Amino acid sequence: MLARQLMSPNTEADMNGLKLLWTKIAQFTEVLEGMDDPKGDYILSLGKRVDKLERDVEDLEAQLHSRPAAAAGYNSSNHVSRSLTGANQ
């Protein structure tokens, strides 16, 4: 109460103005937080696609290594070199 008596009316009005400004700034930041970020969304989407592709490659490599031909001594480099030279497989 003593503080109010010591403050001039102008000071009290300035304080109310600051409170109003602070409230507006807080509302503005809330709006910004809810805005869409197209670049960020696109990058996030690309990251998810890369993760999926990496999992797919790992699955395909696991399938390739677990094939019976691989266990029987099939060598993919021989297959490539034969196909490049035109030799029968």
PDB file of N, CA and C in Angstrom:
ATOM      1  N   MET A   1       0.832  -1.180   0.000  1.00  0.00           N
ATOM      2  CA  MET A   1       0.000   0.000   0.000  1.00  0.00           C
ATOM      3  C   MET A   1       0.880   1.248   0.000  1.00  0.00           C
ATOM      4  N   LEU A   2       1.959   1.217   0.773  1.00  0.00           N
ATOM      5  CA  LEU A   2       2.867   2.346   0.826  1.00  0.00           C
ATOM      6  C   LEU A   2       3.524   2.566  -0.543  1.00  0.00           C
ATOM      7  N   ALA A   3       3.832   1.478  -1.223  1.00  0.00           N
ATOM      8  CA  ALA A   3       4.451   1.591  -2.548  1.00  0.00           C
ATOM      9  C   ALA A   3       3.509   2.301  -3.505  1.00  0.00           C
ATOM     10  N   ARG A   4       2.214   2.014  -3.430  1.00  0.00           N
ATOM     11  CA  ARG A   4       1.237   2.677  -4.296  1.00  0.00           C
ATOM     12  C   ARG A   4       1.154   4.166  -4.004  1.00  0.00           C
ATOM     13  N   GLN A   5       1.280   4.488  -2.756  1.00  0.00           N
ATOM     14  CA  GLN A   5       1.217   5.899  -2.394  1.00  0.00           C
ATOM     15  C   GLN A   5       2.455   6.643  -2.894  1.00  0.00           C
ATOM     16  N   LEU A   6       3.594   5.953  -2.960  1.00  0.00           N
ATOM     17  CA  LEU A   6       4.821   6.584  -3.416  1.00  0.00           C
ATOM     18  C   LEU A   6       4.874   6.703  -4.943  1.00  0.00           C
ATOM     19  N   MET A   7       4.148   5.845  -5.655  1.00  0.00           N
ATOM     20  CA  MET A   7       4.161   5.886  -7.117  1.00  0.00           C
ATOM     21  C   MET A   7       3.277   6.998  -7.620  1.00  0.00           C
ATOM     22  N   SER A   8       3.755   7.656  -8.631  1.00  0.00           N
ATOM     23  CA  SER A   8       2.926   8.687  -9.265  1.00  0.00           C
ATOM     24  C   SER A   8       1.932   8.006 -10.198  1.00  0.00           C
ATOM     25  N   PRO A   9       0.867   8.667 -10.561  1.00  0.00           N
ATOM     26  CA  PRO A   9      -0.117   8.080 -11.484  1.00  0.00           C
ATOM     27  C   PRO A   9       0.502   7.690 -12.821  1.00  0.00           C
ATOM     28  N   ASN A  10       1.479   8.453 -13.281  1.00  0.00           N
ATOM     29  CA  ASN A  10       2.136   8.130 -14.547  1.00  0.00           C
ATOM     30  C   ASN A  10       2.907   6.814 -14.453  1.00  0.00           C
ATOM     31  N   THR A  11       3.575   6.621 -13.323  1.00  0.00           N
ATOM     32  CA  THR A  11       4.346   5.393 -13.127  1.00  0.00           C
ATOM     33  C   THR A  11       3.413   4.190 -13.114  1.00  0.00           C
ATOM     34  N   GLU A  12       2.290   4.308 -12.444  1.00  0.00           N
ATOM     35  CA  GLU A  12       1.318   3.223 -12.401  1.00  0.00           C
ATOM     36  C   GLU A  12       0.769   2.936 -13.801  1.00  0.00           C
ATOM     37  N   ALA A  13       0.522   3.964 -14.580  1.00  0.00           N
ATOM     38  CA  ALA A  13       0.039   3.780 -15.953  1.00  0.00           C
ATOM     39  C   ALA A  13       1.102   3.099 -16.802  1.00  0.00           C
ATOM     40  N   ASP A  14       2.367   3.469 -16.591  1.00  0.00           N
ATOM     41  CA  ASP A  14       3.463   2.825 -17.324  1.00  0.00           C
ATOM     42  C   ASP A  14       3.551   1.349 -16.978  1.00  0.00           C
ATOM     43  N   MET A  15       3.354   1.019 -15.705  1.00  0.00           N
ATOM     44  CA  MET A  15       3.396  -0.378 -15.271  1.00  0.00           C
ATOM     45  C   MET A  15       2.272  -1.173 -15.937  1.00  0.00           C
ATOM     46  N   ASN A  16       1.080  -0.588 -15.994  1.00  0.00           N
ATOM     47  CA  ASN A  16      -0.034  -1.262 -16.660  1.00  0.00           C
ATOM     48  C   ASN A  16       0.266  -1.442 -18.148  1.00  0.00           C
ATOM     49  N   GLY A  17       0.913  -0.458 -18.741  1.00  0.00           N
ATOM     50  CA  GLY A  17       1.302  -0.555 -20.147  1.00  0.00           C
ATOM     51  C   GLY A  17       2.310  -1.673 -20.371  1.00  0.00           C
ATOM     52  N   LEU A  18       3.253  -1.798 -19.438  1.00  0.00           N
ATOM     53  CA  LEU A  18       4.235  -2.879 -19.538  1.00  0.00           C
ATOM     54  C   LEU A  18       3.583  -4.254 -19.392  1.00  0.00           C
ATOM     55  N   LYS A  19       2.628  -4.346 -18.461  1.00  0.00           N
ATOM     56  CA  LYS A  19       1.909  -5.612 -18.290  1.00  0.00           C
ATOM     57  C   LYS A  19       1.152  -5.973 -19.564  1.00  0.00           C
ATOM     58  N   LEU A  20       0.520  -4.972 -20.171  1.00  0.00           N
ATOM     59  CA  LEU A  20      -0.229  -5.194 -21.410  1.00  0.00           C
ATOM     60  C   LEU A  20       0.724  -5.636 -22.527  1.00  0.00           C
ATOM     61  N   LEU A  21       1.873  -4.950 -22.624  1.00  0.00           N
ATOM     62  CA  LEU A  21       2.860  -5.308 -23.640  1.00  0.00           C
ATOM     63  C   LEU A  21       3.352  -6.737 -23.426  1.00  0.00           C
ATOM     64  N   TRP A  22       3.666  -7.071 -22.186  1.00  0.00           N
ATOM     65  CA  TRP A  22       4.153  -8.420 -21.873  1.00  0.00           C
ATOM     66  C   TRP A  22       3.097  -9.463 -22.228  1.00  0.00           C
ATOM     67  N   THR A  23       1.837  -9.185 -21.936  1.00  0.00           N
ATOM     68  CA  THR A  23       0.751 -10.109 -22.262  1.00  0.00           C
ATOM     69  C   THR A  23       0.660 -10.307 -23.769  1.00  0.00           C
ATOM     70  N   LYS A  24       0.785  -9.224 -24.525  1.00  0.00           N
ATOM     71  CA  LYS A  24       0.726  -9.308 -25.994  1.00  0.00           C
ATOM     72  C   LYS A  24       1.904 -10.116 -26.537  1.00  0.00           C
ATOM     73  N   ILE A  25       3.084  -9.900 -25.966  1.00  0.00           N
ATOM     74  CA  ILE A  25       4.263 -10.658 -26.406  1.00  0.00           C
ATOM     75  C   ILE A  25       4.072 -12.148 -26.125  1.00  0.00           C
ATOM     76  N   ALA A  26       3.554 -12.474 -24.948  1.00  0.00           N
ATOM     77  CA  ALA A  26       3.315 -13.873 -24.600  1.00  0.00           C
ATOM     78  C   ALA A  26       2.307 -14.511 -25.552  1.00  0.00           C
ATOM     79  N   GLN A  27       1.252 -13.774 -25.894  1.00  0.00           N
ATOM     80  CA  GLN A  27       0.260 -14.294 -26.842  1.00  0.00           C
ATOM     81  C   GLN A  27       0.887 -14.502 -28.215  1.00  0.00           C
ATOM     82  N   PHE A  28       1.738 -13.585 -28.639  1.00  0.00           N
ATOM     83  CA  PHE A  28       2.393 -13.680 -29.935  1.00  0.00           C
ATOM     84  C   PHE A  28       3.310 -14.903 -29.996  1.00  0.00           C
ATOM     85  N   THR A  29       4.049 -15.160 -28.926  1.00  0.00           N
ATOM     86  CA  THR A  29       4.936 -16.326 -28.923  1.00  0.00           C
ATOM     87  C   THR A  29       4.138 -17.627 -28.973  1.00  0.00           C
ATOM     88  N   GLU A  30       2.971 -17.653 -28.338  1.00  0.00           N
ATOM     89  CA  GLU A  30       2.116 -18.841 -28.415  1.00  0.00           C
ATOM     90  C   GLU A  30       1.649 -19.079 -29.837  1.00  0.00           C
ATOM     91  N   VAL A  31       1.329 -18.002 -30.539  1.00  0.00           N
ATOM     92  CA  VAL A  31       0.907 -18.118 -31.942  1.00  0.00           C
ATOM     93  C   VAL A  31       2.059 -18.643 -32.785  1.00  0.00           C
ATOM     94  N   LEU A  32       3.263 -18.125 -32.552  1.00  0.00           N
ATOM     95  CA  LEU A  32       4.427 -18.571 -33.321  1.00  0.00           C
ATOM     96  C   LEU A  32       4.718 -20.050 -33.092  1.00  0.00           C
ATOM     97  N   GLU A  33       4.524 -20.514 -31.864  1.00  0.00           N
ATOM     98  CA  GLU A  33       4.784 -21.918 -31.561  1.00  0.00           C
ATOM     99  C   GLU A  33       3.853 -22.838 -32.325  1.00  0.00           C
ATOM    100  N   GLY A  34       2.652 -22.381 -32.610  1.00  0.00           N
ATOM    101  CA  GLY A  34       1.683 -23.210 -33.299  1.00  0.00           C
ATOM    102  C   GLY A  34       1.741 -23.126 -34.812  1.00  0.00           C
ATOM    103  N   MET A  35       2.613 -22.261 -35.338  1.00  0.00           N
ATOM    104  CA  MET A  35       2.686 -22.089 -36.793  1.00  0.00           C
ATOM    105  C   MET A  35       3.338 -23.289 -37.454  1.00  0.00           C
ATOM    106  N   ASP A  36       2.944 -23.510 -38.695  1.00  0.00           N
ATOM    107  CA  ASP A  36       3.556 -24.563 -39.484  1.00  0.00           C
ATOM    108  C   ASP A  36       4.935 -24.115 -39.929  1.00  0.00           C
ATOM    109  N   ASP A  37       5.813 -25.080 -40.017  1.00  0.00           N
ATOM    110  CA  ASP A  37       7.169 -24.838 -40.501  1.00  0.00           C
ATOM    111  C   ASP A  37       7.384 -25.756 -41.692  1.00  0.00           C
ATOM    112  N   PRO A  38       7.062 -25.284 -42.910  1.00  0.00           N
ATOM    113  CA  PRO A  38       7.140 -26.169 -44.077  1.00  0.00           C
ATOM    114  C   PRO A  38       8.525 -26.774 -44.296  1.00  0.00           C
ATOM    115  N   LYS A  39       9.576 -25.982 -44.125  1.00  0.00           N
ATOM    116  CA  LYS A  39      10.920 -26.521 -44.323  1.00  0.00           C
ATOM    117  C   LYS A  39      11.240 -27.564 -43.266  1.00  0.00           C
ATOM    118  N   GLY A  40      10.897 -27.261 -42.028  1.00  0.00           N
ATOM    119  CA  GLY A  40      11.146 -28.221 -40.949  1.00  0.00           C
ATOM    120  C   GLY A  40      10.351 -29.496 -41.136  1.00  0.00           C
ATOM    121  N   ASP A  41       9.090 -29.358 -41.559  1.00  0.00           N
ATOM    122  CA  ASP A  41       8.261 -30.537 -41.809  1.00  0.00           C
ATOM    123  C   ASP A  41       8.841 -31.370 -42.937  1.00  0.00           C
ATOM    124  N   TYR A  42       9.337 -30.709 -43.990  1.00  0.00           N
ATOM    125  CA  TYR A  42       9.910 -31.413 -45.132  1.00  0.00           C
ATOM    126  C   TYR A  42      11.174 -32.158 -44.716  1.00  0.00           C
ATOM    127  N   ILE A  43      12.022 -31.509 -43.927  1.00  0.00           N
ATOM    128  CA  ILE A  43      13.253 -32.152 -43.460  1.00  0.00           C
ATOM    129  C   ILE A  43      12.925 -33.339 -42.568  1.00  0.00           C
ATOM    130  N   LEU A  44      11.935 -33.192 -41.707  1.00  0.00           N
ATOM    131  CA  LEU A  44      11.517 -34.296 -40.851  1.00  0.00           C
ATOM    132  C   LEU A  44      11.001 -35.455 -41.692  1.00  0.00           C
ATOM    133  N   SER A  45      10.221 -35.142 -42.717  1.00  0.00           N
ATOM    134  CA  SER A  45       9.698 -36.167 -43.619  1.00  0.00           C
ATOM    135  C   SER A  45      10.840 -36.882 -44.344  1.00  0.00           C
ATOM    136  N   LEU A  46      11.828 -36.123 -44.809  1.00  0.00           N
ATOM    137  CA  LEU A  46      12.979 -36.739 -45.478  1.00  0.00           C
ATOM    138  C   LEU A  46      13.744 -37.651 -44.520  1.00  0.00           C
ATOM    139  N   GLY A  47      13.897 -37.209 -43.290  1.00  0.00           N
ATOM    140  CA  GLY A  47      14.575 -38.034 -42.285  1.00  0.00           C
ATOM    141  C   GLY A  47      13.857 -39.351 -42.062  1.00  0.00           C
ATOM    142  N   LYS A  48      12.539 -39.315 -42.016  1.00  0.00           N
ATOM    143  CA  LYS A  48      11.758 -40.543 -41.836  1.00  0.00           C
ATOM    144  C   LYS A  48      11.915 -41.463 -43.039  1.00  0.00           C
ATOM    145  N   ARG A  49      11.940 -40.863 -44.244  1.00  0.00           N
ATOM    146  CA  ARG A  49      12.114 -41.663 -45.456  1.00  0.00           C
ATOM    147  C   ARG A  49      13.488 -42.320 -45.482  1.00  0.00           C
ATOM    148  N   VAL A  50      14.518 -41.579 -45.080  1.00  0.00           N
ATOM    149  CA  VAL A  50      15.871 -42.136 -45.040  1.00  0.00           C
ATOM    150  C   VAL A  50      15.930 -43.286 -44.041  1.00  0.00           C
ATOM    151  N   ASP A  51      15.334 -43.103 -42.876  1.00  0.00           N
ATOM    152  CA  ASP A  51      15.301 -44.177 -41.878  1.00  0.00           C
ATOM    153  C   ASP A  51      14.635 -45.425 -42.439  1.00  0.00           C
ATOM    154  N   LYS A  52      13.513 -45.250 -43.139  1.00  0.00           N
ATOM    155  CA  LYS A  52      12.801 -46.380 -43.716  1.00  0.00           C
ATOM    156  C   LYS A  52      13.652 -47.072 -44.776  1.00  0.00           C
ATOM    157  N   LEU A  53      14.288 -46.290 -45.631  1.00  0.00           N
ATOM    158  CA  LEU A  53      15.138 -46.867 -46.667  1.00  0.00           C
ATOM    159  C   LEU A  53      16.324 -47.626 -46.062  1.00  0.00           C
ATOM    160  N   GLU A  54      16.902 -47.098 -44.995  1.00  0.00           N
ATOM    161  CA  GLU A  54      17.999 -47.791 -44.326  1.00  0.00           C
ATOM    162  C   GLU A  54      17.532 -49.129 -43.762  1.00  0.00           C
ATOM    163  N   ARG A  55      16.345 -49.143 -43.160  1.00  0.00           N
ATOM    164  CA  ARG A  55      15.797 -50.411 -42.642  1.00  0.00           C
ATOM    165  C   ARG A  55      15.540 -51.387 -43.788  1.00  0.00           C
ATOM    166  N   ASP A  56      15.000 -50.878 -44.907  1.00  0.00           N
ATOM    167  CA  ASP A  56      14.739 -51.740 -46.066  1.00  0.00           C
ATOM    168  C   ASP A  56      16.029 -52.342 -46.606  1.00  0.00           C
ATOM    169  N   VAL A  57      17.083 -51.541 -46.684  1.00  0.00           N
ATOM    170  CA  VAL A  57      18.374 -52.042 -47.166  1.00  0.00           C
ATOM    171  C   VAL A  57      18.912 -53.107 -46.222  1.00  0.00           C
ATOM    172  N   GLU A  58      18.810 -52.865 -44.923  1.00  0.00           N
ATOM    173  CA  GLU A  58      19.273 -53.857 -43.945  1.00  0.00           C
ATOM    174  C   GLU A  58      18.499 -55.159 -44.094  1.00  0.00           C
ATOM    175  N   ASP A  59      17.180 -55.063 -44.286  1.00  0.00           N
ATOM    176  CA  ASP A  59      16.357 -56.263 -44.472  1.00  0.00           C
ATOM    177  C   ASP A  59      16.762 -57.004 -45.743  1.00  0.00           C
ATOM    178  N   LEU A  60      16.985 -56.275 -46.820  1.00  0.00           N
ATOM    179  CA  LEU A  60      17.385 -56.911 -48.079  1.00  0.00           C
ATOM    180  C   LEU A  60      18.759 -57.558 -47.964  1.00  0.00           C
ATOM    181  N   GLU A  61      19.684 -56.887 -47.273  1.00  0.00           N
ATOM    182  CA  GLU A  61      21.011 -57.484 -47.067  1.00  0.00           C
ATOM    183  C   GLU A  61      20.917 -58.750 -46.231  1.00  0.00           C
ATOM    184  N   ALA A  62      20.067 -58.721 -45.223  1.00  0.00           N
ATOM    185  CA  ALA A  62      19.881 -59.915 -44.390  1.00  0.00           C
ATOM    186  C   ALA A  62      19.288 -61.054 -45.219  1.00  0.00           C
ATOM    187  N   GLN A  63      18.332 -60.745 -46.096  1.00  0.00           N
ATOM    188  CA  GLN A  63      17.748 -61.776 -46.964  1.00  0.00           C
ATOM    189  C   GLN A  63      18.797 -62.319 -47.930  1.00  0.00           C
ATOM    190  N   LEU A  64      19.622 -61.433 -48.474  1.00  0.00           N
ATOM    191  CA  LEU A  64      20.652 -61.851 -49.417  1.00  0.00           C
ATOM    192  C   LEU A  64      21.648 -62.791 -48.750  1.00  0.00           C
ATOM    193  N   HIS A  65      22.041 -62.468 -47.538  1.00  0.00           N
ATOM    194  CA  HIS A  65      23.036 -63.290 -46.832  1.00  0.00           C
ATOM    195  C   HIS A  65      22.448 -64.592 -46.298  1.00  0.00           C
ATOM    196  N   SER A  66      21.143 -64.665 -46.178  1.00  0.00           N
ATOM    197  CA  SER A  66      20.544 -65.887 -45.645  1.00  0.00           C
ATOM    198  C   SER A  66      20.069 -66.833 -46.745  1.00  0.00           C
ATOM    199  N   ARG A  67      20.262 -66.470 -48.009  1.00  0.00           N
ATOM    200  CA  ARG A  67      19.847 -67.331 -49.123  1.00  0.00           C
ATOM    201  C   ARG A  67      20.711 -68.585 -49.180  1.00  0.00           C
ATOM    202  N   PRO A  68      20.124 -69.710 -49.631  1.00  0.00           N
ATOM    203  CA  PRO A  68      20.898 -70.958 -49.761  1.00  0.00           C
ATOM    204  C   PRO A  68      22.056 -70.814 -50.748  1.00  0.00           C
ATOM    205  N   ALA A  69      21.899 -70.015 -51.804  1.00  0.00           N
ATOM    206  CA  ALA A  69      22.974 -69.848 -52.772  1.00  0.00           C
ATOM    207  C   ALA A  69      24.202 -69.226 -52.119  1.00  0.00           C
ATOM    208  N   ALA A  70      23.988 -68.339 -51.182  1.00  0.00           N
ATOM    209  CA  ALA A  70      25.105 -67.717 -50.480  1.00  0.00           C
ATOM    210  C   ALA A  70      25.818 -68.750 -49.618  1.00  0.00           C
ATOM    211  N   ALA A  71      25.063 -69.663 -49.040  1.00  0.00           N
ATOM    212  CA  ALA A  71      25.654 -70.701 -48.202  1.00  0.00           C
ATOM    213  C   ALA A  71      26.395 -71.727 -49.052  1.00  0.00           C
ATOM    214  N   ALA A  72      25.996 -71.880 -50.314  1.00  0.00           N
ATOM    215  CA  ALA A  72      26.625 -72.870 -51.197  1.00  0.00           C
ATOM    216  C   ALA A  72      27.841 -72.295 -51.907  1.00  0.00           C
ATOM    217  N   GLY A  73      28.264 -71.123 -51.569  1.00  0.00           N
ATOM    218  CA  GLY A  73      29.465 -70.559 -52.152  1.00  0.00           C
ATOM    219  C   GLY A  73      29.198 -69.611 -53.298  1.00  0.00           C
ATOM    220  N   TYR A  74      27.991 -69.157 -53.477  1.00  0.00           N
ATOM    221  CA  TYR A  74      27.659 -68.193 -54.527  1.00  0.00           C
ATOM    222  C   TYR A  74      28.363 -66.891 -54.222  1.00  0.00           C
ATOM    223  N   ASN A  75      29.031 -66.342 -55.186  1.00  0.00           N
ATOM    224  CA  ASN A  75      29.770 -65.103 -54.991  1.00  0.00           C
ATOM    225  C   ASN A  75      29.192 -64.056 -55.927  1.00  0.00           C
ATOM    226  N   SER A  76      28.652 -62.990 -55.367  1.00  0.00           N
ATOM    227  CA  SER A  76      28.014 -61.967 -56.189  1.00  0.00           C
ATOM    228  C   SER A  76      29.015 -61.294 -57.110  1.00  0.00           C
ATOM    229  N   SER A  77      30.280 -61.197 -56.712  1.00  0.00           N
ATOM    230  CA  SER A  77      31.277 -60.566 -57.588  1.00  0.00           C
ATOM    231  C   SER A  77      31.525 -61.449 -58.807  1.00  0.00           C
ATOM    232  N   ASN A  78      31.476 -62.791 -58.651  1.00  0.00           N
ATOM    233  CA  ASN A  78      31.613 -63.683 -59.797  1.00  0.00           C
ATOM    234  C   ASN A  78      30.437 -63.496 -60.740  1.00  0.00           C
ATOM    235  N   HIS A  79      29.260 -63.352 -60.168  1.00  0.00           N
ATOM    236  CA  HIS A  79      28.058 -63.152 -60.969  1.00  0.00           C
ATOM    237  C   HIS A  79      28.185 -61.878 -61.797  1.00  0.00           C
ATOM    238  N   VAL A  80      28.677 -60.807 -61.176  1.00  0.00           N
ATOM    239  CA  VAL A  80      28.819 -59.538 -61.871  1.00  0.00           C
ATOM    240  C   VAL A  80      29.875 -59.655 -62.966  1.00  0.00           C
ATOM    241  N   SER A  81      31.024 -60.257 -62.645  1.00  0.00           N
ATOM    242  CA  SER A  81      32.079 -60.341 -63.652  1.00  0.00           C
ATOM    243  C   SER A  81      31.651 -61.237 -64.806  1.00  0.00           C
ATOM    244  N   ARG A  82      30.925 -62.318 -64.561  1.00  0.00           N
ATOM    245  CA  ARG A  82      30.428 -63.187 -65.640  1.00  0.00           C
ATOM    246  C   ARG A  82      29.436 -62.443 -66.514  1.00  0.00           C
ATOM    247  N   SER A  83      28.547 -61.666 -65.885  1.00  0.00           N
ATOM    248  CA  SER A  83      27.545 -60.963 -66.667  1.00  0.00           C
ATOM    249  C   SER A  83      28.193 -59.862 -67.500  1.00  0.00           C
ATOM    250  N   LEU A  84      29.287 -59.277 -67.008  1.00  0.00           N
ATOM    251  CA  LEU A  84      29.972 -58.244 -67.774  1.00  0.00           C
ATOM    252  C   LEU A  84      30.732 -58.820 -68.961  1.00  0.00           C
ATOM    253  N   THR A  85      31.267 -60.032 -68.791  1.00  0.00           N
ATOM    254  CA  THR A  85      32.037 -60.651 -69.877  1.00  0.00           C
ATOM    255  C   THR A  85      31.134 -61.411 -70.841  1.00  0.00           C
ATOM    256  N   GLY A  86      29.879 -61.622 -70.454  1.00  0.00           N
ATOM    257  CA  GLY A  86      28.959 -62.347 -71.306  1.00  0.00           C
ATOM    258  C   GLY A  86      29.004 -63.837 -71.103  1.00  0.00           C
ATOM    259  N   ALA A  87      29.746 -64.302 -70.131  1.00  0.00           N
ATOM    260  CA  ALA A  87      29.854 -65.749 -69.864  1.00  0.00           C
ATOM    261  C   ALA A  87      28.550 -66.251 -69.279  1.00  0.00           C
ATOM    262  N   ASN A  88      28.266 -67.519 -69.494  1.00  0.00           N
ATOM    263  CA  ASN A  88      27.059 -68.117 -68.910  1.00  0.00           C
ATOM    264  C   ASN A  88      27.204 -68.188 -67.401  1.00  0.00           C
ATOM    265  N   GLN A  89      26.084 -68.137 -66.764  1.00  0.00           N
ATOM    266  CA  GLN A  89      26.115 -68.136 -65.295  1.00  0.00           C
ATOM    267  C   GLN A  89      25.999 -69.521 -64.772  1.00  0.00           C
TER     268      GLN A  89
END
